[in-house]
Amino acid sequence: MTSTTSSELLQAAQQLQQLRSGLAQLAQSQTSASALGQQARSATTLLQALPARYGEVLLNLLDRLESSALFTEESCSFSQKDLLDNLQTWAQKAEDQLNKS
């Protein structure tokens, strides 16, 4: 994690809020897993404001979420509900980390 200015922290917090909104939309079937993945991957200020491991975990979860979307609900080894729960947990931990900055 590099030194982050207050402006960058504000933008990172906004990107995190947008990501949480995307998660809620996906849970309600109002957006797709690939759209959420694109949104998350484009949240570069957020990812740069967090330790590198946060980006690694997020990308891993997104890859599994996008893979699970190719199959019917629980027919693949990844439960979309469990992955959404894990992404919500990731978002909470990311918020906690940003608040420490």
C-alpha atoms as a PDB file:
ATOM      1  CA  MET A   1       0.000   0.000   0.000  1.00  0.00           C
ATOM      2  CA  THR A   2       1.366   3.359  -0.968  1.00  0.00           C
ATOM      3  CA  SER A   3       0.824   6.661   0.779  1.00  0.00           C
ATOM      4  CA  THR A   4      -2.749   7.705   0.044  1.00  0.00           C
ATOM      5  CA  THR A   5      -4.009  11.289   0.028  1.00  0.00           C
ATOM      6  CA  SER A   6      -7.345  12.266   1.556  1.00  0.00           C
ATOM      7  CA  SER A   7      -8.709  12.837  -1.954  1.00  0.00           C
ATOM      8  CA  GLU A   8      -7.675   9.317  -2.979  1.00  0.00           C
ATOM      9  CA  LEU A   9      -9.189   7.894   0.220  1.00  0.00           C
ATOM     10  CA  LEU A  10     -12.459   9.654  -0.551  1.00  0.00           C
ATOM     11  CA  GLN A  11     -12.459   8.292  -4.094  1.00  0.00           C
ATOM     12  CA  ALA A  12     -11.580   4.801  -2.796  1.00  0.00           C
ATOM     13  CA  ALA A  13     -14.485   4.986  -0.331  1.00  0.00           C
ATOM     14  CA  GLN A  14     -16.817   6.037  -3.155  1.00  0.00           C
ATOM     15  CA  GLN A  15     -15.633   3.130  -5.310  1.00  0.00           C
ATOM     16  CA  LEU A  16     -16.184   0.759  -2.394  1.00  0.00           C
ATOM     17  CA  GLN A  17     -19.729   2.079  -1.956  1.00  0.00           C
ATOM     18  CA  GLN A  18     -20.374   1.609  -5.681  1.00  0.00           C
ATOM     19  CA  LEU A  19     -19.049  -1.943  -5.439  1.00  0.00           C
ATOM     20  CA  ARG A  20     -21.357  -2.653  -2.500  1.00  0.00           C
ATOM     21  CA  SER A  21     -24.247  -1.282  -4.546  1.00  0.00           C
ATOM     22  CA  GLY A  22     -23.248  -3.613  -7.387  1.00  0.00           C
ATOM     23  CA  LEU A  23     -23.196  -6.555  -4.976  1.00  0.00           C
ATOM     24  CA  ALA A  24     -26.715  -5.686  -3.823  1.00  0.00           C
ATOM     25  CA  GLN A  25     -27.877  -5.409  -7.433  1.00  0.00           C
ATOM     26  CA  LEU A  26     -26.369  -8.792  -8.270  1.00  0.00           C
ATOM     27  CA  ALA A  27     -28.031 -10.379  -5.236  1.00  0.00           C
ATOM     28  CA  GLN A  28     -31.359  -9.048  -6.570  1.00  0.00           C
ATOM     29  CA  SER A  29     -30.559 -10.202 -10.139  1.00  0.00           C
ATOM     30  CA  GLN A  30     -30.477  -6.585 -11.349  1.00  0.00           C
ATOM     31  CA  THR A  31     -26.982  -6.879 -12.809  1.00  0.00           C
ATOM     32  CA  SER A  32     -24.700  -9.658 -14.030  1.00  0.00           C
ATOM     33  CA  ALA A  33     -21.620 -11.209 -12.461  1.00  0.00           C
ATOM     34  CA  SER A  34     -19.537 -10.031 -15.412  1.00  0.00           C
ATOM     35  CA  ALA A  35     -20.794  -6.435 -14.991  1.00  0.00           C
ATOM     36  CA  LEU A  36     -19.891  -6.562 -11.301  1.00  0.00           C
ATOM     37  CA  GLY A  37     -16.484  -7.985 -12.202  1.00  0.00           C
ATOM     38  CA  GLN A  38     -15.849  -5.153 -14.653  1.00  0.00           C
ATOM     39  CA  GLN A  39     -16.932  -2.596 -12.076  1.00  0.00           C
ATOM     40  CA  ALA A  40     -14.667  -4.069  -9.402  1.00  0.00           C
ATOM     41  CA  ARG A  41     -11.666  -4.360 -11.705  1.00  0.00           C
ATOM     42  CA  SER A  42     -12.057  -0.716 -12.729  1.00  0.00           C
ATOM     43  CA  ALA A  43     -12.014   0.446  -9.075  1.00  0.00           C
ATOM     44  CA  THR A  44      -8.298   1.098  -9.337  1.00  0.00           C
ATOM     45  CA  THR A  45      -8.132   3.823  -6.696  1.00  0.00           C
ATOM     46  CA  LEU A  46      -9.771   1.486  -4.194  1.00  0.00           C
ATOM     47  CA  LEU A  47      -7.432  -1.374  -5.035  1.00  0.00           C
ATOM     48  CA  GLN A  48      -4.369   0.895  -4.822  1.00  0.00           C
ATOM     49  CA  ALA A  49      -5.477   2.221  -1.422  1.00  0.00           C
ATOM     50  CA  LEU A  50      -5.594  -1.302   0.016  1.00  0.00           C
ATOM     51  CA  PRO A  51      -2.789  -3.776   0.720  1.00  0.00           C
ATOM     52  CA  ALA A  52      -1.999  -5.951  -2.326  1.00  0.00           C
ATOM     53  CA  ARG A  53      -3.565  -9.052  -0.766  1.00  0.00           C
ATOM     54  CA  TYR A  54      -6.997  -7.384  -0.917  1.00  0.00           C
ATOM     55  CA  GLY A  55      -6.741  -7.122  -4.691  1.00  0.00           C
ATOM     56  CA  GLU A  56      -5.622 -10.731  -4.967  1.00  0.00           C
ATOM     57  CA  VAL A  57      -8.537 -11.977  -2.865  1.00  0.00           C
ATOM     58  CA  LEU A  58     -11.044  -9.797  -4.722  1.00  0.00           C
ATOM     59  CA  LEU A  59      -9.888 -10.987  -8.137  1.00  0.00           C
ATOM     60  CA  ASN A  60     -10.015 -14.609  -6.989  1.00  0.00           C
ATOM     61  CA  LEU A  61     -13.589 -14.189  -5.702  1.00  0.00           C
ATOM     62  CA  LEU A  62     -14.647 -12.390  -8.888  1.00  0.00           C
ATOM     63  CA  ASP A  63     -13.171 -15.128 -11.081  1.00  0.00           C
ATOM     64  CA  ARG A  64     -15.119 -17.761  -9.165  1.00  0.00           C
ATOM     65  CA  LEU A  65     -18.292 -15.650  -9.224  1.00  0.00           C
ATOM     66  CA  GLU A  66     -18.058 -15.174 -12.980  1.00  0.00           C
ATOM     67  CA  SER A  67     -17.426 -18.904 -13.436  1.00  0.00           C
ATOM     68  CA  SER A  68     -20.426 -19.782 -11.278  1.00  0.00           C
ATOM     69  CA  ALA A  69     -22.630 -17.536 -13.411  1.00  0.00           C
ATOM     70  CA  LEU A  70     -21.985 -19.807 -16.382  1.00  0.00           C
ATOM     71  CA  PHE A  71     -23.865 -22.617 -14.664  1.00  0.00           C
ATOM     72  CA  THR A  72     -27.291 -22.965 -13.143  1.00  0.00           C
ATOM     73  CA  GLU A  73     -27.688 -21.915  -9.512  1.00  0.00           C
ATOM     74  CA  GLU A  74     -25.860 -24.621  -7.529  1.00  0.00           C
ATOM     75  CA  SER A  75     -24.714 -26.966 -10.302  1.00  0.00           C
ATOM     76  CA  CYS A  76     -21.091 -25.964 -10.139  1.00  0.00           C
ATOM     77  CA  SER A  77     -18.635 -26.192  -7.279  1.00  0.00           C
ATOM     78  CA  PHE A  78     -19.047 -22.496  -6.425  1.00  0.00           C
ATOM     79  CA  SER A  79     -22.220 -21.361  -4.712  1.00  0.00           C
ATOM     80  CA  GLN A  80     -23.081 -17.897  -5.995  1.00  0.00           C
ATOM     81  CA  LYS A  81     -24.732 -17.057  -2.662  1.00  0.00           C
ATOM     82  CA  ASP A  82     -21.607 -18.076  -0.738  1.00  0.00           C
ATOM     83  CA  LEU A  83     -19.432 -16.062  -3.107  1.00  0.00           C
ATOM     84  CA  LEU A  84     -21.665 -13.007  -2.640  1.00  0.00           C
ATOM     85  CA  ASP A  85     -21.411 -13.474   1.125  1.00  0.00           C
ATOM     86  CA  ASN A  86     -17.612 -13.660   0.814  1.00  0.00           C
ATOM     87  CA  LEU A  87     -17.582 -10.503  -1.318  1.00  0.00           C
ATOM     88  CA  GLN A  88     -19.676  -8.716   1.321  1.00  0.00           C
ATOM     89  CA  THR A  89     -17.149  -9.799   3.950  1.00  0.00           C
ATOM     90  CA  TRP A  90     -14.330  -8.573   1.704  1.00  0.00           C
ATOM     91  CA  ALA A  91     -16.074  -5.206   1.341  1.00  0.00           C
ATOM     92  CA  GLN A  92     -16.445  -4.861   5.120  1.00  0.00           C
ATOM     93  CA  LYS A  93     -12.780  -5.678   5.697  1.00  0.00           C
ATOM     94  CA  ALA A  94     -11.778  -3.273   2.919  1.00  0.00           C
ATOM     95  CA  GLU A  95     -13.825  -0.537   4.592  1.00  0.00           C
ATOM     96  CA  ASP A  96     -12.175  -1.297   7.936  1.00  0.00           C
ATOM     97  CA  GLN A  97      -8.764  -1.076   6.251  1.00  0.00           C
ATOM     98  CA  LEU A  98      -9.606   2.241   4.578  1.00  0.00           C
ATOM     99  CA  ASN A  99     -10.765   3.645   7.908  1.00  0.00           C
ATOM    100  CA  LYS A 100      -7.364   2.798   9.403  1.00  0.00           C
ATOM    101  CA  SER A 101      -5.614   4.889   6.736  1.00  0.00           C
END
